[in-house]
Amino acid sequence: RLLPQIDLEDFRAAVHFLKRKSTLLRSAPDPTSKPVFELN
């Protein structure tokens, strides 16, 4: 069976990509908070 039809623009709105080669994922919305993971 096919997945339900969705709108292409709605689909694109859900997708995010990293601009840089890597960046830190932090535990809180604060640059001094604990790093929990390195996104690449």
All heavy atoms as atom14 arrays in JSON, in Angstrom:
{
  "sequence": "RLLPQIDLEDFRAAVHFLKRKSTLLRSAPDPTSKPVFELN",
  "atom14_mask": [
    [1, 1, 1, 1, 1, 1, 1, 1, 1, 1, 1, 0, 0, 0],
    [1, 1, 1, 1, 1, 1, 1, 1, 0, 0, 0, 0, 0, 0],
    [1, 1, 1, 1, 1, 1, 1, 1, 0, 0, 0, 0, 0, 0],
    [1, 1, 1, 1, 1, 1, 1, 0, 0, 0, 0, 0, 0, 0],
    [1, 1, 1, 1, 1, 1, 1, 1, 1, 0, 0, 0, 0, 0],
    [1, 1, 1, 1, 1, 1, 1, 1, 0, 0, 0, 0, 0, 0],
    [1, 1, 1, 1, 1, 1, 1, 1, 0, 0, 0, 0, 0, 0],
    [1, 1, 1, 1, 1, 1, 1, 1, 0, 0, 0, 0, 0, 0],
    [1, 1, 1, 1, 1, 1, 1, 1, 1, 0, 0, 0, 0, 0],
    [1, 1, 1, 1, 1, 1, 1, 1, 0, 0, 0, 0, 0, 0],
    [1, 1, 1, 1, 1, 1, 1, 1, 1, 1, 1, 0, 0, 0],
    [1, 1, 1, 1, 1, 1, 1, 1, 1, 1, 1, 0, 0, 0],
    [1, 1, 1, 1, 1, 0, 0, 0, 0, 0, 0, 0, 0, 0],
    [1, 1, 1, 1, 1, 0, 0, 0, 0, 0, 0, 0, 0, 0],
    [1, 1, 1, 1, 1, 1, 1, 0, 0, 0, 0, 0, 0, 0],
    [1, 1, 1, 1, 1, 1, 1, 1, 1, 1, 0, 0, 0, 0],
    [1, 1, 1, 1, 1, 1, 1, 1, 1, 1, 1, 0, 0, 0],
    [1, 1, 1, 1, 1, 1, 1, 1, 0, 0, 0, 0, 0, 0],
    [1, 1, 1, 1, 1, 1, 1, 1, 1, 0, 0, 0, 0, 0],
    [1, 1, 1, 1, 1, 1, 1, 1, 1, 1, 1, 0, 0, 0],
    [1, 1, 1, 1, 1, 1, 1, 1, 1, 0, 0, 0, 0, 0],
    [1, 1, 1, 1, 1, 1, 0, 0, 0, 0, 0, 0, 0, 0],
    [1, 1, 1, 1, 1, 1, 1, 0, 0, 0, 0, 0, 0, 0],
    [1, 1, 1, 1, 1, 1, 1, 1, 0, 0, 0, 0, 0, 0],
    [1, 1, 1, 1, 1, 1, 1, 1, 0, 0, 0, 0, 0, 0],
    [1, 1, 1, 1, 1, 1, 1, 1, 1, 1, 1, 0, 0, 0],
    [1, 1, 1, 1, 1, 1, 0, 0, 0, 0, 0, 0, 0, 0],
    [1, 1, 1, 1, 1, 0, 0, 0, 0, 0, 0, 0, 0, 0],
    [1, 1, 1, 1, 1, 1, 1, 0, 0, 0, 0, 0, 0, 0],
    [1, 1, 1, 1, 1, 1, 1, 1, 0, 0, 0, 0, 0, 0],
    [1, 1, 1, 1, 1, 1, 1, 0, 0, 0, 0, 0, 0, 0],
    [1, 1, 1, 1, 1, 1, 1, 0, 0, 0, 0, 0, 0, 0],
    [1, 1, 1, 1, 1, 1, 0, 0, 0, 0, 0, 0, 0, 0],
    [1, 1, 1, 1, 1, 1, 1, 1, 1, 0, 0, 0, 0, 0],
    [1, 1, 1, 1, 1, 1, 1, 0, 0, 0, 0, 0, 0, 0],
    [1, 1, 1, 1, 1, 1, 1, 0, 0, 0, 0, 0, 0, 0],
    [1, 1, 1, 1, 1, 1, 1, 1, 1, 1, 1, 0, 0, 0],
    [1, 1, 1, 1, 1, 1, 1, 1, 1, 0, 0, 0, 0, 0],
    [1, 1, 1, 1, 1, 1, 1, 1, 0, 0, 0, 0, 0, 0],
    [1, 1, 1, 1, 1, 1, 1, 1, 0, 0, 0, 0, 0, 0]
  ],
  "atom14_positions": [
    [[0.85, -1.19, 0.0], [0.0, 0.0, 0.0], [0.89, 1.24, 0.0], [1.99, 1.23, 0.55], [-0.91, 0.0, 1.22], [-0.17, 0.27, 2.52], [-1.02, -0.04, 3.74], [-0.36, 0.36, 4.98], [0.61, -0.33, 5.57], [1.07, -1.42, 5.02], [1.14, 0.1, 6.7], [0.0, 0.0, 0.0], [0.0, 0.0, 0.0], [0.0, 0.0, 0.0]],
    [[0.4, 2.31, -0.62], [1.17, 3.55, -0.67], [0.98, 4.34, 0.61], [-0.08, 4.26, 1.26], [0.73, 4.39, -1.86], [0.93, 3.78, -3.25], [0.52, 4.79, -4.32], [2.36, 3.32, -3.47], [0.0, 0.0, 0.0], [0.0, 0.0, 0.0], [0.0, 0.0, 0.0], [0.0, 0.0, 0.0], [0.0, 0.0, 0.0], [0.0, 0.0, 0.0]],
    [[1.98, 5.09, 0.97], [1.85, 6.02, 2.08], [0.88, 7.13, 1.71], [0.69, 7.43, 0.52], [3.21, 6.63, 2.42], [4.19, 5.65, 3.07], [5.6, 6.22, 3.01], [3.79, 5.37, 4.5], [0.0, 0.0, 0.0], [0.0, 0.0, 0.0], [0.0, 0.0, 0.0], [0.0, 0.0, 0.0], [0.0, 0.0, 0.0], [0.0, 0.0, 0.0]],
    [[0.23, 7.77, 2.69], [-0.72, 8.84, 2.38], [-0.08, 9.96, 1.58], [1.09, 10.28, 1.75], [-1.16, 9.32, 3.77], [-0.9, 8.16, 4.67], [0.32, 7.48, 4.13], [0.0, 0.0, 0.0], [0.0, 0.0, 0.0], [0.0, 0.0, 0.0], [0.0, 0.0, 0.0], [0.0, 0.0, 0.0], [0.0, 0.0, 0.0], [0.0, 0.0, 0.0]],
    [[-0.88, 10.58, 0.72], [-0.4, 11.71, -0.07], [-0.18, 12.92, 0.84], [-0.99, 13.22, 1.7], [-1.44, 12.07, -1.14], [-1.04, 13.23, -2.04], [0.16, 12.9, -2.91], [0.12, 11.96, -3.67], [1.22, 13.67, -2.78], [0.0, 0.0, 0.0], [0.0, 0.0, 0.0], [0.0, 0.0, 0.0], [0.0, 0.0, 0.0], [0.0, 0.0, 0.0]],
    [[0.96, 13.59, 0.65], [1.24, 14.81, 1.39], [1.71, 15.87, 0.41], [2.04, 15.58, -0.73], [2.3, 14.6, 2.49], [3.62, 14.11, 1.87], [1.8, 13.63, 3.54], [4.74, 13.99, 2.88], [0.0, 0.0, 0.0], [0.0, 0.0, 0.0], [0.0, 0.0, 0.0], [0.0, 0.0, 0.0], [0.0, 0.0, 0.0], [0.0, 0.0, 0.0]],
    [[1.72, 17.1, 0.88], [2.12, 18.22, 0.04], [3.65, 18.34, 0.01], [4.32, 18.18, 1.04], [1.51, 19.51, 0.6], [1.88, 20.72, -0.23], [1.37, 20.85, -1.35], [2.69, 21.54, 0.26], [0.0, 0.0, 0.0], [0.0, 0.0, 0.0], [0.0, 0.0, 0.0], [0.0, 0.0, 0.0], [0.0, 0.0, 0.0], [0.0, 0.0, 0.0]],
    [[4.22, 18.61, -1.16], [5.67, 18.68, -1.3], [6.26, 19.77, -0.41], [7.31, 19.59, 0.2], [6.05, 18.92, -2.75], [7.56, 18.99, -3.06], [8.25, 17.69, -2.68], [7.8, 19.31, -4.53], [0.0, 0.0, 0.0], [0.0, 0.0, 0.0], [0.0, 0.0, 0.0], [0.0, 0.0, 0.0], [0.0, 0.0, 0.0], [0.0, 0.0, 0.0]],
    [[5.62, 20.92, -0.32], [6.16, 21.99, 0.5], [6.12, 21.66, 1.98], [7.01, 22.01, 2.75], [5.42, 23.3, 0.21], [5.68, 23.84, -1.18], [7.17, 23.95, -1.49], [7.91, 24.52, -0.65], [7.61, 23.44, -2.53], [0.0, 0.0, 0.0], [0.0, 0.0, 0.0], [0.0, 0.0, 0.0], [0.0, 0.0, 0.0], [0.0, 0.0, 0.0]],
    [[5.07, 20.96, 2.4], [5.02, 20.5, 3.78], [6.17, 19.53, 4.05], [6.81, 19.56, 5.11], [3.68, 19.81, 4.06], [2.53, 20.78, 4.15], [2.77, 21.97, 4.38], [1.38, 20.35, 3.96], [0.0, 0.0, 0.0], [0.0, 0.0, 0.0], [0.0, 0.0, 0.0], [0.0, 0.0, 0.0], [0.0, 0.0, 0.0], [0.0, 0.0, 0.0]],
    [[6.41, 18.66, 3.1], [7.49, 17.7, 3.22], [8.83, 18.43, 3.37], [9.63, 18.12, 4.26], [7.5, 16.81, 1.98], [8.7, 15.92, 1.86], [8.75, 14.72, 2.54], [9.77, 16.29, 1.07], [9.84, 13.88, 2.43], [10.88, 15.46, 0.96], [10.91, 14.26, 1.64], [0.0, 0.0, 0.0], [0.0, 0.0, 0.0], [0.0, 0.0, 0.0]],
    [[9.08, 19.4, 2.5], [10.35, 20.11, 2.56], [10.51, 20.87, 3.89], [11.62, 21.02, 4.4], [10.48, 21.08, 1.4], [10.61, 20.4, 0.03], [10.92, 21.45, -1.03], [10.85, 20.93, -2.38], [11.82, 20.23, -2.98], [12.92, 19.95, -2.33], [11.66, 19.82, -4.23], [0.0, 0.0, 0.0], [0.0, 0.0, 0.0], [0.0, 0.0, 0.0]],
    [[9.41, 21.33, 4.44], [9.48, 22.08, 5.69], [9.96, 21.23, 6.86], [10.45, 21.76, 7.86], [8.1, 22.67, 6.02], [0.0, 0.0, 0.0], [0.0, 0.0, 0.0], [0.0, 0.0, 0.0], [0.0, 0.0, 0.0], [0.0, 0.0, 0.0], [0.0, 0.0, 0.0], [0.0, 0.0, 0.0], [0.0, 0.0, 0.0], [0.0, 0.0, 0.0]],
    [[9.86, 19.91, 6.73], [10.27, 19.03, 7.82], [11.74, 18.65, 7.76], [12.27, 18.05, 8.69], [9.42, 17.75, 7.79], [0.0, 0.0, 0.0], [0.0, 0.0, 0.0], [0.0, 0.0, 0.0], [0.0, 0.0, 0.0], [0.0, 0.0, 0.0], [0.0, 0.0, 0.0], [0.0, 0.0, 0.0], [0.0, 0.0, 0.0], [0.0, 0.0, 0.0]],
    [[12.41, 18.99, 6.67], [13.78, 18.51, 6.44], [14.78, 19.62, 6.76], [14.63, 20.75, 6.29], [13.95, 18.07, 4.97], [15.31, 17.45, 4.77], [12.85, 17.11, 4.56], [0.0, 0.0, 0.0], [0.0, 0.0, 0.0], [0.0, 0.0, 0.0], [0.0, 0.0, 0.0], [0.0, 0.0, 0.0], [0.0, 0.0, 0.0], [0.0, 0.0, 0.0]],
    [[15.8, 19.29, 7.54], [16.85, 20.25, 7.87], [18.21, 19.61, 7.63], [18.41, 18.42, 7.86], [16.75, 20.7, 9.34], [15.58, 21.57, 9.61], [14.29, 21.07, 9.69], [15.47, 22.91, 9.82], [13.46, 22.07, 9.93], [14.15, 23.18, 10.01], [0.0, 0.0, 0.0], [0.0, 0.0, 0.0], [0.0, 0.0, 0.0], [0.0, 0.0, 0.0]],
    [[19.15, 20.43, 7.15], [20.5, 19.98, 6.88], [21.5, 20.86, 7.6], [21.26, 22.05, 7.84], [20.78, 20.02, 5.37], [19.93, 19.1, 4.56], [18.77, 19.58, 3.95], [20.27, 17.77, 4.4], [17.97, 18.73, 3.21], [19.48, 16.92, 3.66], [18.33, 17.4, 3.05], [0.0, 0.0, 0.0], [0.0, 0.0, 0.0], [0.0, 0.0, 0.0]],
    [[22.63, 20.27, 7.93], [23.7, 21.0, 8.59], [24.45, 21.85, 7.56], [24.85, 21.35, 6.51], [24.66, 20.0, 9.25], [25.6, 20.52, 10.32], [24.8, 21.03, 11.52], [26.54, 19.39, 10.76], [0.0, 0.0, 0.0], [0.0, 0.0, 0.0], [0.0, 0.0, 0.0], [0.0, 0.0, 0.0], [0.0, 0.0, 0.0], [0.0, 0.0, 0.0]],
    [[24.65, 23.12, 7.88], [25.4, 24.01, 6.99], [26.89, 23.76, 7.06], [27.61, 23.91, 6.08], [25.14, 25.48, 7.36], [23.76, 26.0, 7.05], [23.68, 27.46, 7.46], [22.31, 28.05, 7.21], [22.25, 29.46, 7.64], [0.0, 0.0, 0.0], [0.0, 0.0, 0.0], [0.0, 0.0, 0.0], [0.0, 0.0, 0.0], [0.0, 0.0, 0.0]],
    [[27.36, 23.39, 8.24], [28.79, 23.23, 8.47], [29.16, 21.75, 8.42], [28.3, 20.86, 8.37], [29.13, 23.81, 9.84], [28.73, 25.25, 10.02], [28.78, 25.68, 11.47], [30.09, 25.44, 12.05], [30.37, 25.62, 13.34], [29.42, 26.04, 14.17], [31.57, 25.39, 13.8], [0.0, 0.0, 0.0], [0.0, 0.0, 0.0], [0.0, 0.0, 0.0]],
    [[30.46, 21.48, 8.47], [30.94, 20.1, 8.48], [30.51, 19.4, 9.76], [30.18, 18.2, 9.77], [32.46, 20.07, 8.33], [33.04, 18.67, 8.2], [34.54, 18.73, 7.94], [35.12, 17.33, 7.78], [36.58, 17.38, 7.52], [0.0, 0.0, 0.0], [0.0, 0.0, 0.0], [0.0, 0.0, 0.0], [0.0, 0.0, 0.0], [0.0, 0.0, 0.0]],
    [[30.52, 20.13, 10.87], [30.08, 19.57, 12.14], [29.7, 20.69, 13.09], [30.1, 21.85, 12.9], [31.18, 18.71, 12.77], [32.3, 19.49, 13.12], [0.0, 0.0, 0.0], [0.0, 0.0, 0.0], [0.0, 0.0, 0.0], [0.0, 0.0, 0.0], [0.0, 0.0, 0.0], [0.0, 0.0, 0.0], [0.0, 0.0, 0.0], [0.0, 0.0, 0.0]],
    [[28.92, 20.35, 14.1], [28.55, 21.3, 15.14], [28.13, 20.52, 16.36], [27.82, 19.32, 16.28], [27.43, 22.24, 14.68], [27.3, 23.33, 15.61], [26.09, 21.52, 14.62], [0.0, 0.0, 0.0], [0.0, 0.0, 0.0], [0.0, 0.0, 0.0], [0.0, 0.0, 0.0], [0.0, 0.0, 0.0], [0.0, 0.0, 0.0], [0.0, 0.0, 0.0]],
    [[28.1, 21.18, 17.51], [27.76, 20.49, 18.74], [26.27, 20.56, 19.03], [25.63, 21.61, 18.89], [28.52, 21.09, 19.92], [30.03, 20.83, 19.96], [30.66, 21.58, 21.13], [30.32, 19.34, 20.07], [0.0, 0.0, 0.0], [0.0, 0.0, 0.0], [0.0, 0.0, 0.0], [0.0, 0.0, 0.0], [0.0, 0.0, 0.0], [0.0, 0.0, 0.0]],
    [[25.73, 19.43, 19.42], [24.38, 19.36, 19.96], [24.52, 19.52, 21.47], [25.3, 18.8, 22.1], [23.75, 18.01, 19.61], [22.26, 17.83, 19.85], [21.46, 18.69, 18.89], [21.9, 16.36, 19.69], [0.0, 0.0, 0.0], [0.0, 0.0, 0.0], [0.0, 0.0, 0.0], [0.0, 0.0, 0.0], [0.0, 0.0, 0.0], [0.0, 0.0, 0.0]],
    [[23.78, 20.47, 22.04], [23.93, 20.78, 23.46], [22.69, 20.4, 24.26], [21.61, 20.24, 23.69], [24.26, 22.26, 23.64], [25.61, 22.64, 23.02], [26.0, 24.07, 23.34], [27.33, 24.39, 22.83], [28.46, 24.14, 23.48], [28.42, 23.58, 24.68], [29.63, 24.45, 22.94], [0.0, 0.0, 0.0], [0.0, 0.0, 0.0], [0.0, 0.0, 0.0]],
    [[22.88, 20.26, 25.55], [21.8, 19.79, 26.42], [20.72, 20.83, 26.65], [19.6, 20.49, 27.05], [22.38, 19.35, 27.76], [23.06, 20.44, 28.39], [0.0, 0.0, 0.0], [0.0, 0.0, 0.0], [0.0, 0.0, 0.0], [0.0, 0.0, 0.0], [0.0, 0.0, 0.0], [0.0, 0.0, 0.0], [0.0, 0.0, 0.0], [0.0, 0.0, 0.0]],
    [[21.03, 22.09, 26.39], [20.07, 23.18, 26.62], [20.32, 24.27, 25.57], [21.39, 24.32, 24.96], [20.21, 23.74, 28.03], [0.0, 0.0, 0.0], [0.0, 0.0, 0.0], [0.0, 0.0, 0.0], [0.0, 0.0, 0.0], [0.0, 0.0, 0.0], [0.0, 0.0, 0.0], [0.0, 0.0, 0.0], [0.0, 0.0, 0.0], [0.0, 0.0, 0.0]],
    [[19.34, 25.16, 25.37], [19.52, 26.23, 24.39], [20.42, 27.33, 24.91], [20.0, 28.48, 25.13], [18.08, 26.71, 24.16], [17.37, 26.4, 25.42], [17.98, 25.13, 25.92], [0.0, 0.0, 0.0], [0.0, 0.0, 0.0], [0.0, 0.0, 0.0], [0.0, 0.0, 0.0], [0.0, 0.0, 0.0], [0.0, 0.0, 0.0], [0.0, 0.0, 0.0]],
    [[21.69, 26.97, 25.12], [22.66, 27.88, 25.74], [24.04, 27.44, 25.28], [24.4, 26.26, 25.4], [22.54, 27.77, 27.27], [23.43, 28.74, 28.0], [24.53, 29.05, 27.5], [23.04, 29.17, 29.1], [0.0, 0.0, 0.0], [0.0, 0.0, 0.0], [0.0, 0.0, 0.0], [0.0, 0.0, 0.0], [0.0, 0.0, 0.0], [0.0, 0.0, 0.0]],
    [[24.86, 28.36, 24.78], [26.18, 27.98, 24.28], [27.12, 27.46, 25.36], [28.15, 26.86, 25.05], [26.72, 29.27, 23.66], [25.96, 30.36, 24.33], [24.6, 29.8, 24.59], [0.0, 0.0, 0.0], [0.0, 0.0, 0.0], [0.0, 0.0, 0.0], [0.0, 0.0, 0.0], [0.0, 0.0, 0.0], [0.0, 0.0, 0.0], [0.0, 0.0, 0.0]],
    [[26.78, 27.66, 26.62], [27.62, 27.16, 27.71], [27.12, 25.82, 28.26], [27.74, 25.27, 29.17], [27.67, 28.18, 28.86], [26.35, 28.34, 29.42], [28.19, 29.52, 28.37], [0.0, 0.0, 0.0], [0.0, 0.0, 0.0], [0.0, 0.0, 0.0], [0.0, 0.0, 0.0], [0.0, 0.0, 0.0], [0.0, 0.0, 0.0], [0.0, 0.0, 0.0]],
    [[26.01, 25.32, 27.75], [25.47, 24.05, 28.26], [26.32, 22.88, 27.8], [27.14, 22.98, 26.89], [24.02, 23.88, 27.8], [23.95, 23.79, 26.4], [0.0, 0.0, 0.0], [0.0, 0.0, 0.0], [0.0, 0.0, 0.0], [0.0, 0.0, 0.0], [0.0, 0.0, 0.0], [0.0, 0.0, 0.0], [0.0, 0.0, 0.0], [0.0, 0.0, 0.0]],
    [[26.1, 21.75, 28.42], [26.91, 20.55, 28.18], [26.74, 20.02, 26.76], [25.62, 19.81, 26.31], [26.52, 19.48, 29.19], [27.3, 18.17, 29.04], [26.82, 17.15, 30.04], [27.55, 15.83, 29.85], [27.08, 14.79, 30.81], [0.0, 0.0, 0.0], [0.0, 0.0, 0.0], [0.0, 0.0, 0.0], [0.0, 0.0, 0.0], [0.0, 0.0, 0.0]],
    [[27.84, 19.78, 26.05], [27.73, 19.13, 24.74], [27.31, 17.67, 24.93], [27.85, 16.97, 25.8], [29.15, 19.22, 24.17], [29.85, 20.25, 24.98], [29.22, 20.2, 26.34], [0.0, 0.0, 0.0], [0.0, 0.0, 0.0], [0.0, 0.0, 0.0], [0.0, 0.0, 0.0], [0.0, 0.0, 0.0], [0.0, 0.0, 0.0], [0.0, 0.0, 0.0]],
    [[26.35, 17.22, 24.15], [25.88, 15.84, 24.27], [26.19, 15.0, 23.04], [26.18, 13.76, 23.11], [24.36, 15.79, 24.55], [24.05, 16.41, 25.9], [23.57, 16.48, 23.45], [0.0, 0.0, 0.0], [0.0, 0.0, 0.0], [0.0, 0.0, 0.0], [0.0, 0.0, 0.0], [0.0, 0.0, 0.0], [0.0, 0.0, 0.0], [0.0, 0.0, 0.0]],
    [[26.49, 15.65, 21.92], [26.71, 14.9, 20.69], [27.29, 15.83, 19.64], [27.01, 17.03, 19.65], [25.37, 14.33, 20.18], [25.48, 13.3, 19.1], [25.81, 11.99, 19.39], [25.24, 13.65, 17.77], [25.9, 11.04, 18.4], [25.33, 12.7, 16.77], [25.66, 11.39, 17.08], [0.0, 0.0, 0.0], [0.0, 0.0, 0.0], [0.0, 0.0, 0.0]],
    [[28.11, 15.29, 18.77], [28.62, 16.09, 17.65], [27.87, 15.73, 16.39], [27.95, 14.59, 15.9], [30.11, 15.87, 17.44], [30.68, 16.77, 16.34], [32.18, 16.62, 16.15], [32.61, 15.52, 15.74], [32.9, 17.6, 16.4], [0.0, 0.0, 0.0], [0.0, 0.0, 0.0], [0.0, 0.0, 0.0], [0.0, 0.0, 0.0], [0.0, 0.0, 0.0]],
    [[27.12, 16.67, 15.86], [26.42, 16.46, 14.6], [27.4, 16.62, 13.44], [28.26, 17.5, 13.46], [25.29, 17.49, 14.43], [24.09, 17.4, 15.37], [23.14, 18.56, 15.09], [23.36, 16.09, 15.19], [0.0, 0.0, 0.0], [0.0, 0.0, 0.0], [0.0, 0.0, 0.0], [0.0, 0.0, 0.0], [0.0, 0.0, 0.0], [0.0, 0.0, 0.0]],
    [[27.24, 15.78, 12.44], [28.0, 15.95, 11.21], [27.06, 15.83, 10.02], [25.84, 15.79, 10.18], [29.15, 14.94, 11.13], [28.68, 13.51, 11.21], [27.71, 13.12, 10.56], [29.36, 12.7, 12.01], [0.0, 0.0, 0.0], [0.0, 0.0, 0.0], [0.0, 0.0, 0.0], [0.0, 0.0, 0.0], [0.0, 0.0, 0.0], [0.0, 0.0, 0.0]]
  ]
}
